[in-house]
């Protein structure tokens, strides 16, 4: 399996799987991303 095949987000999830602190950071970043996209959707509507 070529690690370069996977997107960065998948690598981050795999890394966070074994590290609670990394998992919490990943969840925070995903939440911020979703909120930012949702805000963009609200402005577009």
N, C-alpha and C. Protein backbone atom coordinates (compact mmCIF):
# COMPACT_ATOMS: atom_id res chain seq x y z
N UNK A 1 0.84 -1.19 0.00
CA UNK A 1 0.00 0.00 0.00
C UNK A 1 0.88 1.25 0.00
N UNK A 2 0.58 2.14 -0.90
CA UNK A 2 1.35 3.37 -1.02
C UNK A 2 0.74 4.44 -0.12
N UNK A 3 1.48 4.89 0.91
CA UNK A 3 0.92 5.90 1.82
C UNK A 3 0.59 7.21 1.11
N UNK A 4 1.23 7.48 -0.02
CA UNK A 4 0.97 8.72 -0.75
C UNK A 4 -0.39 8.67 -1.45
N UNK A 5 -0.95 7.48 -1.55
CA UNK A 5 -2.25 7.33 -2.21
C UNK A 5 -3.37 7.94 -1.39
N UNK A 6 -3.21 7.90 -0.08
CA UNK A 6 -4.28 8.36 0.80
C UNK A 6 -4.22 9.87 1.01
N UNK A 7 -5.39 10.51 1.08
CA UNK A 7 -5.40 11.94 1.40
C UNK A 7 -4.87 12.20 2.80
N UNK A 8 -4.45 13.42 3.05
CA UNK A 8 -3.88 13.78 4.35
C UNK A 8 -4.87 13.51 5.47
N UNK A 9 -6.15 13.76 5.24
CA UNK A 9 -7.15 13.59 6.29
C UNK A 9 -7.23 12.14 6.74
N UNK A 10 -7.09 11.21 5.81
CA UNK A 10 -7.13 9.79 6.18
C UNK A 10 -5.90 9.44 7.01
N UNK A 11 -4.75 10.00 6.65
CA UNK A 11 -3.54 9.76 7.43
C UNK A 11 -3.71 10.32 8.83
N UNK A 12 -4.36 11.49 8.95
CA UNK A 12 -4.57 12.10 10.26
C UNK A 12 -5.47 11.23 11.12
N UNK A 13 -6.51 10.66 10.51
CA UNK A 13 -7.41 9.77 11.25
C UNK A 13 -6.64 8.54 11.72
N UNK A 14 -5.85 7.96 10.84
CA UNK A 14 -5.08 6.77 11.20
C UNK A 14 -4.11 7.08 12.34
N UNK A 15 -3.50 8.25 12.30
CA UNK A 15 -2.56 8.66 13.34
C UNK A 15 -3.31 8.86 14.66
N UNK A 16 -4.48 9.49 14.58
CA UNK A 16 -5.24 9.81 15.78
C UNK A 16 -5.82 8.56 16.43
N UNK A 17 -5.96 7.50 15.66
CA UNK A 17 -6.57 6.26 16.17
C UNK A 17 -5.89 5.79 17.45
N UNK A 18 -4.56 5.94 17.51
CA UNK A 18 -3.82 5.46 18.67
C UNK A 18 -3.43 6.55 19.65
N UNK A 19 -3.81 7.79 19.38
CA UNK A 19 -3.40 8.89 20.26
C UNK A 19 -4.59 9.78 20.60
N UNK A 20 -5.10 9.67 21.83
CA UNK A 20 -6.27 10.46 22.23
C UNK A 20 -6.09 11.96 22.02
N UNK A 21 -4.90 12.49 22.31
CA UNK A 21 -4.69 13.93 22.15
C UNK A 21 -4.78 14.32 20.67
N UNK A 22 -4.21 13.50 19.81
CA UNK A 22 -4.27 13.77 18.38
C UNK A 22 -5.71 13.63 17.89
N UNK A 23 -6.43 12.67 18.46
CA UNK A 23 -7.83 12.47 18.07
C UNK A 23 -8.65 13.70 18.43
N UNK A 24 -8.45 14.23 19.63
CA UNK A 24 -9.20 15.42 20.06
C UNK A 24 -8.88 16.60 19.15
N UNK A 25 -7.60 16.76 18.78
CA UNK A 25 -7.21 17.85 17.90
C UNK A 25 -7.85 17.68 16.53
N UNK A 26 -7.90 16.44 16.05
CA UNK A 26 -8.50 16.17 14.75
C UNK A 26 -9.99 16.51 14.78
N UNK A 27 -10.67 16.11 15.84
CA UNK A 27 -12.10 16.41 15.97
C UNK A 27 -12.33 17.92 15.99
N UNK A 28 -11.48 18.63 16.72
CA UNK A 28 -11.60 20.10 16.76
C UNK A 28 -11.44 20.70 15.37
N UNK A 29 -10.45 20.23 14.62
CA UNK A 29 -10.20 20.78 13.30
C UNK A 29 -11.35 20.45 12.34
N UNK A 30 -11.86 19.22 12.43
CA UNK A 30 -12.99 18.84 11.58
C UNK A 30 -14.21 19.68 11.91
N UNK A 31 -14.45 19.91 13.20
CA UNK A 31 -15.60 20.71 13.62
C UNK A 31 -15.49 22.13 13.08
N UNK A 32 -14.30 22.71 13.16
CA UNK A 32 -14.09 24.07 12.65
C UNK A 32 -14.31 24.11 11.14
N UNK A 33 -13.85 23.08 10.45
CA UNK A 33 -14.01 23.02 8.99
C UNK A 33 -15.48 22.94 8.63
N UNK A 34 -16.22 22.09 9.32
CA UNK A 34 -17.65 21.93 9.04
C UNK A 34 -18.39 23.23 9.32
N UNK A 35 -18.07 23.87 10.43
CA UNK A 35 -18.72 25.14 10.77
C UNK A 35 -18.42 26.20 9.72
N UNK A 36 -17.18 26.25 9.25
CA UNK A 36 -16.80 27.24 8.24
C UNK A 36 -17.56 26.98 6.94
N UNK A 37 -17.68 25.72 6.54
CA UNK A 37 -18.41 25.38 5.32
C UNK A 37 -19.89 25.71 5.49
N UNK A 38 -20.42 25.44 6.66
CA UNK A 38 -21.83 25.72 6.93
C UNK A 38 -22.08 27.22 6.85
N UNK A 39 -21.18 28.01 7.39
CA UNK A 39 -21.30 29.47 7.34
C UNK A 39 -21.27 29.94 5.88
N UNK A 40 -20.41 29.33 5.07
CA UNK A 40 -20.35 29.69 3.66
C UNK A 40 -21.67 29.36 2.97
N UNK A 41 -22.27 28.22 3.33
CA UNK A 41 -23.55 27.83 2.75
C UNK A 41 -24.63 28.84 3.11
N UNK A 42 -24.61 29.32 4.34
CA UNK A 42 -25.60 30.30 4.79
C UNK A 42 -25.48 31.60 3.99
N UNK A 43 -24.25 32.01 3.70
CA UNK A 43 -24.05 33.24 2.95
C UNK A 43 -24.47 33.06 1.49
N UNK A 44 -24.32 31.86 0.98
CA UNK A 44 -24.65 31.60 -0.42
C UNK A 44 -26.16 31.50 -0.62
N UNK A 45 -26.89 31.11 0.41
CA UNK A 45 -28.34 30.90 0.29
C UNK A 45 -29.11 32.20 0.15
